[in-house]
Amino acid sequence: MVVMKYNLPYSKKIMKYFKNPKNIGRIKQPDGIGRVGNIVCGDVMELYIKVKKDKRGIEKISDAKFQTFGCVVAIALSSMLTEMVKGKSLRDAMKITNKTLLKESGKVPPIKVHCSVLAADALQETIYNYLSKHKRKIPKELEKQHTRIMKELKTLESAHPELVTFEKKVLKRK
């Protein structure tokens, strides 16, 4: 019997979070929800947060959960992201970018870098949703990102309505 050793294109950290993802599921009555992705390529992420004020009145993310329909890297980065944002202020969480995620995660194949963009976009959309729901001022950069994300989403959804129906079934959305 020949045993082959494979050199996986993923870091140990990516494999750890893929094999044992943390914070899967929805938060009941979340304070913020973000949905991003491209069902055509197969990666869709939903992120949910709860926000509470600390003793000094600073709003911090007290809980985060995700649902991801996607590949190894998409699932791992979604899980990693939920761990990274817990306890962070909204201001600090907004600073998390795809580059932050890639640096934290380690080795990711170049063809999977887009998963880090999706995870960062999911976080930005979740914070945008939270600020909008609470009639709070939205920073210009966050507004700009939201406009880009919504434009991309509407283009995909109008071109592929059958995949939107499929996505709703998979993620059990209404």
N, C-alpha and C. Protein backbone atom coordinates (compact mmCIF):
# COMPACT_ATOMS: atom_id res chain seq x y z
N MET A 1 0.84 -1.17 0.00
CA MET A 1 0.00 0.00 0.00
C MET A 1 0.89 1.24 0.00
N VAL A 2 0.57 2.18 -0.89
CA VAL A 2 1.32 3.41 -0.99
C VAL A 2 0.53 4.52 -0.28
N VAL A 3 1.20 5.19 0.63
CA VAL A 3 0.57 6.30 1.33
C VAL A 3 1.16 7.59 0.76
N MET A 4 0.28 8.46 0.28
CA MET A 4 0.75 9.71 -0.30
C MET A 4 0.55 10.83 0.71
N LYS A 5 1.54 11.67 0.79
CA LYS A 5 1.45 12.83 1.67
C LYS A 5 1.11 14.04 0.80
N TYR A 6 0.02 14.71 1.13
CA TYR A 6 -0.41 15.87 0.36
C TYR A 6 0.03 17.15 1.05
N ASN A 7 0.49 18.07 0.26
CA ASN A 7 0.83 19.38 0.77
C ASN A 7 -0.37 20.28 0.48
N LEU A 8 -1.25 20.43 1.46
CA LEU A 8 -2.46 21.21 1.26
C LEU A 8 -2.13 22.69 1.06
N PRO A 9 -2.90 23.35 0.21
CA PRO A 9 -2.63 24.77 -0.05
C PRO A 9 -3.18 25.70 1.03
N TYR A 10 -3.58 25.12 2.18
CA TYR A 10 -4.17 25.92 3.25
C TYR A 10 -3.31 25.88 4.50
N SER A 11 -3.35 26.94 5.27
CA SER A 11 -2.62 26.97 6.54
C SER A 11 -3.30 26.05 7.54
N LYS A 12 -2.56 25.75 8.61
CA LYS A 12 -3.13 24.94 9.69
C LYS A 12 -4.33 25.64 10.32
N LYS A 13 -4.24 26.97 10.40
CA LYS A 13 -5.32 27.74 11.00
C LYS A 13 -6.60 27.66 10.16
N ILE A 14 -6.46 27.75 8.85
CA ILE A 14 -7.63 27.61 7.97
C ILE A 14 -8.26 26.24 8.16
N MET A 15 -7.43 25.21 8.19
CA MET A 15 -7.97 23.85 8.34
C MET A 15 -8.62 23.66 9.72
N LYS A 16 -8.03 24.26 10.73
CA LYS A 16 -8.60 24.17 12.09
C LYS A 16 -10.02 24.77 12.11
N TYR A 17 -10.17 25.96 11.55
CA TYR A 17 -11.48 26.62 11.56
C TYR A 17 -12.46 25.97 10.60
N PHE A 18 -11.96 25.34 9.55
CA PHE A 18 -12.86 24.63 8.64
C PHE A 18 -13.37 23.34 9.30
N LYS A 19 -12.48 22.60 9.93
CA LYS A 19 -12.87 21.33 10.54
C LYS A 19 -13.72 21.52 11.79
N ASN A 20 -13.48 22.60 12.52
CA ASN A 20 -14.21 22.87 13.76
C ASN A 20 -14.64 24.33 13.80
N PRO A 21 -15.56 24.71 12.92
CA PRO A 21 -15.97 26.12 12.89
C PRO A 21 -16.68 26.52 14.18
N LYS A 22 -16.44 27.76 14.55
CA LYS A 22 -17.06 28.32 15.76
C LYS A 22 -18.18 29.27 15.34
N ASN A 23 -19.18 29.40 16.19
CA ASN A 23 -20.23 30.42 16.03
C ASN A 23 -21.09 30.26 14.78
N ILE A 24 -21.40 29.02 14.43
CA ILE A 24 -22.27 28.76 13.28
C ILE A 24 -23.72 29.00 13.69
N GLY A 25 -24.49 29.58 12.78
CA GLY A 25 -25.92 29.74 12.99
C GLY A 25 -26.33 31.20 13.02
N ARG A 26 -27.55 31.40 13.42
CA ARG A 26 -28.13 32.73 13.49
C ARG A 26 -28.24 33.19 14.94
N ILE A 27 -28.27 34.48 15.11
CA ILE A 27 -28.57 35.07 16.42
C ILE A 27 -30.04 35.47 16.38
N LYS A 28 -30.77 35.07 17.41
CA LYS A 28 -32.16 35.51 17.49
C LYS A 28 -32.18 37.00 17.78
N GLN A 29 -32.97 37.72 17.05
CA GLN A 29 -33.08 39.17 17.18
C GLN A 29 -31.70 39.85 17.16
N PRO A 30 -30.97 39.68 16.06
CA PRO A 30 -29.65 40.31 15.98
C PRO A 30 -29.77 41.83 15.88
N ASP A 31 -28.73 42.50 16.31
CA ASP A 31 -28.68 43.95 16.18
C ASP A 31 -28.23 44.36 14.79
N GLY A 32 -27.49 43.49 14.12
CA GLY A 32 -27.03 43.77 12.77
C GLY A 32 -26.91 42.48 11.97
N ILE A 33 -27.26 42.57 10.68
CA ILE A 33 -27.17 41.43 9.76
C ILE A 33 -26.49 41.91 8.49
N GLY A 34 -25.58 41.10 7.99
CA GLY A 34 -24.95 41.40 6.71
C GLY A 34 -24.97 40.17 5.83
N ARG A 35 -25.33 40.35 4.57
CA ARG A 35 -25.37 39.24 3.61
C ARG A 35 -24.60 39.68 2.38
N VAL A 36 -23.62 38.88 2.02
CA VAL A 36 -22.84 39.17 0.83
C VAL A 36 -22.54 37.86 0.11
N GLY A 37 -22.13 37.99 -1.13
CA GLY A 37 -21.68 36.80 -1.82
C GLY A 37 -22.04 36.76 -3.27
N ASN A 38 -21.68 35.66 -3.84
CA ASN A 38 -21.88 35.43 -5.24
C ASN A 38 -22.32 33.99 -5.40
N ILE A 39 -23.62 33.77 -5.40
CA ILE A 39 -24.15 32.41 -5.49
C ILE A 39 -23.75 31.75 -6.81
N VAL A 40 -23.41 32.55 -7.81
CA VAL A 40 -22.96 31.99 -9.09
C VAL A 40 -21.66 31.22 -8.89
N CYS A 41 -20.72 31.79 -8.13
CA CYS A 41 -19.45 31.08 -7.87
C CYS A 41 -19.60 30.14 -6.68
N GLY A 42 -20.62 30.34 -5.87
CA GLY A 42 -20.90 29.40 -4.80
C GLY A 42 -20.61 29.87 -3.39
N ASP A 43 -20.17 31.09 -3.20
CA ASP A 43 -19.87 31.57 -1.85
C ASP A 43 -20.86 32.65 -1.43
N VAL A 44 -21.59 32.37 -0.36
CA VAL A 44 -22.53 33.34 0.20
C VAL A 44 -22.33 33.33 1.71
N MET A 45 -22.23 34.52 2.30
CA MET A 45 -22.03 34.64 3.74
C MET A 45 -23.10 35.52 4.34
N GLU A 46 -23.58 35.09 5.50
CA GLU A 46 -24.46 35.91 6.32
C GLU A 46 -23.80 36.03 7.68
N LEU A 47 -23.72 37.24 8.19
CA LEU A 47 -23.10 37.51 9.49
C LEU A 47 -24.12 38.21 10.37
N TYR A 48 -24.18 37.83 11.63
CA TYR A 48 -25.11 38.38 12.60
C TYR A 48 -24.32 38.87 13.81
N ILE A 49 -24.69 40.03 14.34
CA ILE A 49 -24.03 40.54 15.54
C ILE A 49 -25.04 41.01 16.58
N LYS A 50 -24.60 40.95 17.82
CA LYS A 50 -25.26 41.58 18.95
C LYS A 50 -24.31 42.65 19.46
N VAL A 51 -24.85 43.80 19.81
CA VAL A 51 -24.03 44.91 20.28
C VAL A 51 -24.52 45.34 21.66
N LYS A 52 -23.57 45.55 22.56
CA LYS A 52 -23.89 46.03 23.91
C LYS A 52 -22.91 47.13 24.27
N LYS A 53 -23.37 48.05 25.11
CA LYS A 53 -22.48 49.11 25.60
C LYS A 53 -21.69 48.59 26.79
N ASP A 54 -20.41 48.96 26.83
CA ASP A 54 -19.61 48.60 27.99
C ASP A 54 -19.83 49.63 29.10
N LYS A 55 -19.08 49.53 30.17
CA LYS A 55 -19.25 50.43 31.33
C LYS A 55 -19.02 51.89 30.98
N ARG A 56 -18.21 52.14 29.94
CA ARG A 56 -17.92 53.51 29.52
C ARG A 56 -18.88 54.01 28.44
N GLY A 57 -19.85 53.15 28.07
CA GLY A 57 -20.83 53.54 27.05
C GLY A 57 -20.38 53.30 25.62
N ILE A 58 -19.29 52.57 25.45
CA ILE A 58 -18.78 52.26 24.11
C ILE A 58 -19.48 51.00 23.60
N GLU A 59 -20.03 51.11 22.38
CA GLU A 59 -20.72 49.97 21.79
C GLU A 59 -19.72 48.94 21.32
N LYS A 60 -19.90 47.72 21.81
CA LYS A 60 -19.01 46.62 21.46
C LYS A 60 -19.81 45.42 20.98
N ILE A 61 -19.19 44.67 20.09
CA ILE A 61 -19.84 43.46 19.58
C ILE A 61 -19.73 42.39 20.66
N SER A 62 -20.88 41.99 21.18
CA SER A 62 -20.90 41.01 22.27
C SER A 62 -21.05 39.59 21.75
N ASP A 63 -21.60 39.44 20.56
CA ASP A 63 -21.75 38.11 19.98
C ASP A 63 -21.75 38.23 18.46
N ALA A 64 -21.30 37.18 17.81
CA ALA A 64 -21.29 37.13 16.35
C ALA A 64 -21.46 35.69 15.91
N LYS A 65 -22.29 35.49 14.91
CA LYS A 65 -22.51 34.16 14.33
C LYS A 65 -22.58 34.31 12.83
N PHE A 66 -22.42 33.17 12.14
CA PHE A 66 -22.44 33.20 10.69
C PHE A 66 -23.12 31.98 10.11
N GLN A 67 -23.56 32.15 8.89
CA GLN A 67 -23.99 31.06 8.02
C GLN A 67 -23.27 31.28 6.70
N THR A 68 -22.56 30.28 6.24
CA THR A 68 -21.84 30.41 4.98
C THR A 68 -22.10 29.20 4.12
N PHE A 69 -22.43 29.47 2.88
CA PHE A 69 -22.54 28.45 1.85
C PHE A 69 -21.31 28.66 0.98
N GLY A 70 -20.31 27.81 1.15
CA GLY A 70 -19.09 28.05 0.40
C GLY A 70 -18.02 27.01 0.63
N CYS A 71 -16.83 27.36 0.22
CA CYS A 71 -15.68 26.46 0.22
C CYS A 71 -14.98 26.46 1.58
N VAL A 72 -13.89 25.70 1.66
CA VAL A 72 -13.09 25.58 2.87
C VAL A 72 -12.70 26.96 3.41
N VAL A 73 -12.15 27.79 2.55
CA VAL A 73 -11.65 29.10 2.98
C VAL A 73 -12.80 30.02 3.40
N ALA A 74 -13.90 30.00 2.67
CA ALA A 74 -15.05 30.84 3.01
C ALA A 74 -15.58 30.49 4.41
N ILE A 75 -15.70 29.21 4.69
CA ILE A 75 -16.21 28.78 6.00
C ILE A 75 -15.20 29.12 7.10
N ALA A 76 -13.93 28.82 6.85
CA ALA A 76 -12.90 29.09 7.86
C ALA A 76 -12.80 30.58 8.18
N LEU A 77 -12.79 31.43 7.15
CA LEU A 77 -12.66 32.86 7.40
C LEU A 77 -13.90 33.44 8.07
N SER A 78 -15.07 32.92 7.75
CA SER A 78 -16.29 33.37 8.43
C SER A 78 -16.20 33.07 9.92
N SER A 79 -15.76 31.86 10.24
CA SER A 79 -15.62 31.46 11.63
C SER A 79 -14.56 32.30 12.34
N MET A 80 -13.41 32.47 11.69
CA MET A 80 -12.34 33.28 12.26
C MET A 80 -12.81 34.70 12.53
N LEU A 81 -13.55 35.25 11.59
CA LEU A 81 -14.05 36.62 11.71
C LEU A 81 -14.91 36.78 12.95
N THR A 82 -15.79 35.82 13.20
CA THR A 82 -16.67 35.93 14.38
C THR A 82 -15.85 35.96 15.66
N GLU A 83 -14.78 35.20 15.71
CA GLU A 83 -13.91 35.20 16.88
C GLU A 83 -13.16 36.53 17.01
N MET A 84 -12.73 37.08 15.88
CA MET A 84 -11.97 38.33 15.88
C MET A 84 -12.78 39.53 16.34
N VAL A 85 -14.08 39.57 16.00
CA VAL A 85 -14.87 40.77 16.28
C VAL A 85 -15.47 40.80 17.68
N LYS A 86 -15.62 39.65 18.30
CA LYS A 86 -16.22 39.63 19.64
C LYS A 86 -15.38 40.46 20.60
N GLY A 87 -16.06 41.39 21.28
CA GLY A 87 -15.40 42.25 22.24
C GLY A 87 -14.83 43.53 21.64
N LYS A 88 -14.85 43.64 20.33
CA LYS A 88 -14.33 44.85 19.67
C LYS A 88 -15.42 45.92 19.61
N SER A 89 -14.97 47.17 19.66
CA SER A 89 -15.90 48.27 19.44
C SER A 89 -16.27 48.26 17.95
N LEU A 90 -17.38 48.89 17.62
CA LEU A 90 -17.78 48.96 16.21
C LEU A 90 -16.69 49.67 15.40
N ARG A 91 -16.11 50.69 15.97
CA ARG A 91 -15.05 51.45 15.29
C ARG A 91 -13.85 50.54 14.98
N ASP A 92 -13.44 49.73 15.96
CA ASP A 92 -12.31 48.83 15.73
C ASP A 92 -12.68 47.70 14.76
N ALA A 93 -13.90 47.20 14.86
CA ALA A 93 -14.34 46.14 13.94
C ALA A 93 -14.36 46.64 12.50
N MET A 94 -14.72 47.90 12.30
CA MET A 94 -14.75 48.46 10.94
C MET A 94 -13.36 48.49 10.30
N LYS A 95 -12.33 48.42 11.11
CA LYS A 95 -10.96 48.46 10.59
C LYS A 95 -10.49 47.11 10.06
N ILE A 96 -11.25 46.06 10.31
CA ILE A 96 -10.87 44.73 9.83
C ILE A 96 -11.10 44.67 8.32
N THR A 97 -10.06 44.35 7.60
CA THR A 97 -10.12 44.27 6.14
C THR A 97 -9.80 42.85 5.69
N ASN A 98 -9.91 42.63 4.39
CA ASN A 98 -9.53 41.32 3.88
C ASN A 98 -8.04 41.05 4.13
N LYS A 99 -7.23 42.10 4.10
CA LYS A 99 -5.80 41.93 4.37
C LYS A 99 -5.56 41.51 5.82
N THR A 100 -6.36 42.05 6.74
CA THR A 100 -6.28 41.65 8.15
C THR A 100 -6.57 40.16 8.27
N LEU A 101 -7.62 39.72 7.59
CA LEU A 101 -8.02 38.31 7.64
C LEU A 101 -6.95 37.41 7.03
N LEU A 102 -6.39 37.82 5.91
CA LEU A 102 -5.36 37.01 5.26
C LEU A 102 -4.11 36.91 6.12
N LYS A 103 -3.74 38.00 6.75
CA LYS A 103 -2.56 37.99 7.62
C LYS A 103 -2.80 37.07 8.81
N GLU A 104 -3.99 37.13 9.36
CA GLU A 104 -4.34 36.32 10.52
C GLU A 104 -4.47 34.83 10.17
N SER A 105 -4.94 34.53 8.97
CA SER A 105 -5.25 33.15 8.60
C SER A 105 -4.05 32.35 8.10
N GLY A 106 -3.07 33.04 7.56
CA GLY A 106 -1.94 32.31 7.00
C GLY A 106 -2.17 31.95 5.55
N LYS A 107 -1.60 30.86 5.13
CA LYS A 107 -1.58 30.45 3.72
C LYS A 107 -2.97 30.19 3.12
N VAL A 108 -3.26 30.92 2.06
CA VAL A 108 -4.50 30.76 1.30
C VAL A 108 -4.13 30.81 -0.18
N PRO A 109 -4.62 29.86 -0.98
CA PRO A 109 -4.31 29.91 -2.40
C PRO A 109 -4.80 31.22 -3.03
N PRO A 110 -4.05 31.77 -3.98
CA PRO A 110 -4.46 33.03 -4.61
C PRO A 110 -5.89 33.00 -5.16
N ILE A 111 -6.33 31.86 -5.66
CA ILE A 111 -7.68 31.77 -6.22
C ILE A 111 -8.76 31.88 -5.14
N LYS A 112 -8.37 31.77 -3.87
CA LYS A 112 -9.32 31.83 -2.75
C LYS A 112 -9.27 33.15 -1.97
N VAL A 113 -8.44 34.09 -2.41
CA VAL A 113 -8.33 35.38 -1.73
C VAL A 113 -9.68 36.10 -1.71
N HIS A 114 -10.51 35.87 -2.74
CA HIS A 114 -11.82 36.53 -2.78
C HIS A 114 -12.67 36.20 -1.56
N CYS A 115 -12.42 35.06 -0.93
CA CYS A 115 -13.18 34.71 0.29
C CYS A 115 -12.90 35.69 1.42
N SER A 116 -11.67 36.21 1.46
CA SER A 116 -11.35 37.21 2.49
C SER A 116 -12.08 38.51 2.22
N VAL A 117 -12.27 38.83 0.95
CA VAL A 117 -13.03 40.03 0.58
C VAL A 117 -14.49 39.85 0.99
N LEU A 118 -15.04 38.67 0.74
CA LEU A 118 -16.43 38.40 1.12
C LEU A 118 -16.61 38.52 2.64
N ALA A 119 -15.69 37.95 3.40
CA ALA A 119 -15.82 38.01 4.86
C ALA A 119 -15.73 39.46 5.36
N ALA A 120 -14.78 40.21 4.83
CA ALA A 120 -14.65 41.62 5.24
C ALA A 120 -15.89 42.41 4.82
N ASP A 121 -16.41 42.14 3.62
CA ASP A 121 -17.63 42.80 3.15
C ASP A 121 -18.82 42.44 4.04
N ALA A 122 -18.90 41.17 4.47
CA ALA A 122 -20.00 40.75 5.35
C ALA A 122 -19.97 41.55 6.65
N LEU A 123 -18.79 41.75 7.19
CA LEU A 123 -18.66 42.53 8.42
C LEU A 123 -19.08 43.98 8.19
N GLN A 124 -18.62 44.58 7.11
CA GLN A 124 -18.98 45.97 6.82
C GLN A 124 -20.49 46.11 6.63
N GLU A 125 -21.10 45.16 5.93
CA GLU A 125 -22.56 45.20 5.73
C GLU A 125 -23.32 45.04 7.04
N THR A 126 -22.80 44.21 7.92
CA THR A 126 -23.44 44.00 9.22
C THR A 126 -23.39 45.27 10.06
N ILE A 127 -22.25 45.92 10.06
CA ILE A 127 -22.12 47.18 10.80
C ILE A 127 -22.99 48.26 10.15
N TYR A 128 -23.01 48.30 8.83
CA TYR A 128 -23.87 49.25 8.11
C TYR A 128 -25.33 49.04 8.51
N ASN A 129 -25.75 47.78 8.52
CA ASN A 129 -27.12 47.45 8.90
C ASN A 129 -27.42 47.90 10.32
N TYR A 130 -26.49 47.67 11.23
CA TYR A 130 -26.67 48.08 12.62
C TYR A 130 -26.82 49.60 12.72
N LEU A 131 -25.92 50.32 12.10
CA LEU A 131 -25.98 51.79 12.16
C LEU A 131 -27.26 52.32 11.52
N SER A 132 -27.67 51.73 10.41
CA SER A 132 -28.91 52.16 9.72
C SER A 132 -30.13 51.93 10.61
N LYS A 133 -30.22 50.74 11.20
CA LYS A 133 -31.36 50.41 12.05
C LYS A 133 -31.48 51.36 13.24
N HIS A 134 -30.36 51.84 13.71
CA HIS A 134 -30.35 52.71 14.89
C HIS A 134 -30.22 54.19 14.52
N LYS A 135 -30.46 54.46 13.21
CA LYS A 135 -30.47 55.83 12.71
C LYS A 135 -29.21 56.60 13.13
N ARG A 136 -28.09 55.94 12.96
CA ARG A 136 -26.80 56.51 13.32
C ARG A 136 -26.05 56.99 12.09
N LYS A 137 -25.14 57.88 12.28
CA LYS A 137 -24.32 58.39 11.19
C LYS A 137 -23.46 57.26 10.62
N ILE A 138 -23.48 57.16 9.29
CA ILE A 138 -22.71 56.14 8.61
C ILE A 138 -21.47 56.80 8.00
N PRO A 139 -20.29 56.30 8.35
CA PRO A 139 -19.07 56.87 7.78
C PRO A 139 -19.07 56.78 6.25
N LYS A 140 -18.48 57.78 5.60
CA LYS A 140 -18.48 57.84 4.13
C LYS A 140 -17.92 56.58 3.49
N GLU A 141 -16.82 56.07 4.02
CA GLU A 141 -16.20 54.87 3.44
C GLU A 141 -17.13 53.67 3.55
N LEU A 142 -17.83 53.55 4.66
CA LEU A 142 -18.77 52.45 4.84
C LEU A 142 -19.94 52.60 3.87
N GLU A 143 -20.42 53.81 3.67
CA GLU A 143 -21.49 54.07 2.70
C GLU A 143 -21.05 53.68 1.29
N LYS A 144 -19.83 54.03 0.96
CA LYS A 144 -19.27 53.72 -0.36
C LYS A 144 -19.19 52.19 -0.57
N GLN A 145 -18.71 51.48 0.45
CA GLN A 145 -18.61 50.02 0.36
C GLN A 145 -20.00 49.40 0.21
N HIS A 146 -20.96 49.90 0.99
CA HIS A 146 -22.32 49.38 0.92
C HIS A 146 -22.90 49.57 -0.48
N THR A 147 -22.70 50.72 -1.07
CA THR A 147 -23.20 50.99 -2.42
C THR A 147 -22.60 50.00 -3.42
N ARG A 148 -21.30 49.77 -3.33
CA ARG A 148 -20.63 48.81 -4.22
C ARG A 148 -21.19 47.40 -4.04
N ILE A 149 -21.33 46.97 -2.81
CA ILE A 149 -21.81 45.63 -2.51
C ILE A 149 -23.23 45.43 -3.03
N MET A 150 -24.11 46.41 -2.79
CA MET A 150 -25.50 46.31 -3.24
C MET A 150 -25.59 46.29 -4.76
N LYS A 151 -24.78 47.08 -5.42
CA LYS A 151 -24.78 47.10 -6.89
C LYS A 151 -24.38 45.73 -7.44
N GLU A 152 -23.33 45.14 -6.88
CA GLU A 152 -22.88 43.82 -7.32
C GLU A 152 -23.96 42.77 -7.07
N LEU A 153 -24.57 42.83 -5.90
CA LEU A 153 -25.61 41.86 -5.53
C LEU A 153 -26.81 41.95 -6.46
N LYS A 154 -27.29 43.16 -6.71
CA LYS A 154 -28.45 43.34 -7.59
C LYS A 154 -28.17 42.87 -9.01
N THR A 155 -26.97 43.10 -9.49
CA THR A 155 -26.59 42.65 -10.83
C THR A 155 -26.65 41.13 -10.90
N LEU A 156 -26.09 40.46 -9.92
CA LEU A 156 -26.10 38.99 -9.89
C LEU A 156 -27.51 38.44 -9.75
N GLU A 157 -28.27 39.02 -8.83
CA GLU A 157 -29.62 38.51 -8.57
C GLU A 157 -30.53 38.69 -9.78
N SER A 158 -30.40 39.78 -10.48
CA SER A 158 -31.27 39.98 -11.65
C SER A 158 -30.86 39.06 -12.80
N ALA A 159 -29.59 38.72 -12.88
CA ALA A 159 -29.12 37.82 -13.95
C ALA A 159 -29.40 36.35 -13.64
N HIS A 160 -29.54 36.01 -12.37
CA HIS A 160 -29.69 34.60 -11.97
C HIS A 160 -30.76 34.42 -10.90
N PRO A 161 -32.04 34.72 -11.21
CA PRO A 161 -33.09 34.59 -10.18
C PRO A 161 -33.25 33.17 -9.65
N GLU A 162 -32.95 32.17 -10.47
CA GLU A 162 -33.08 30.78 -10.04
C GLU A 162 -32.08 30.45 -8.92
N LEU A 163 -30.93 31.09 -8.95
CA LEU A 163 -29.94 30.86 -7.90
C LEU A 163 -30.31 31.57 -6.61
N VAL A 164 -31.05 32.66 -6.71
CA VAL A 164 -31.52 33.36 -5.52
C VAL A 164 -32.49 32.44 -4.77
N THR A 165 -33.38 31.78 -5.49
CA THR A 165 -34.32 30.84 -4.89
C THR A 165 -33.57 29.70 -4.21
N PHE A 166 -32.56 29.17 -4.90
CA PHE A 166 -31.73 28.10 -4.34
C PHE A 166 -31.04 28.56 -3.07
N GLU A 167 -30.46 29.75 -3.10
CA GLU A 167 -29.74 30.30 -1.94
C GLU A 167 -30.68 30.44 -0.74
N LYS A 168 -31.89 30.92 -0.98
CA LYS A 168 -32.86 31.09 0.11
C LYS A 168 -33.18 29.76 0.76
N LYS A 169 -33.28 28.71 -0.04
CA LYS A 169 -33.55 27.37 0.51
C LYS A 169 -32.37 26.87 1.32
N VAL A 170 -31.17 27.03 0.78
CA VAL A 170 -29.97 26.54 1.45
C VAL A 170 -29.75 27.26 2.77
N LEU A 171 -29.88 28.56 2.77
CA LEU A 171 -29.65 29.35 4.00
C LEU A 171 -30.92 29.53 4.82
N LYS A 172 -32.01 28.93 4.35
CA LYS A 172 -33.30 28.99 5.05
C LYS A 172 -33.72 30.41 5.36
N ARG A 173 -33.65 31.25 4.31
CA ARG A 173 -34.07 32.64 4.42
C ARG A 173 -35.46 32.78 3.83
N LYS A 174 -36.13 33.86 4.20
CA LYS A 174 -37.45 34.14 3.65
C LYS A 174 -37.33 35.01 2.45
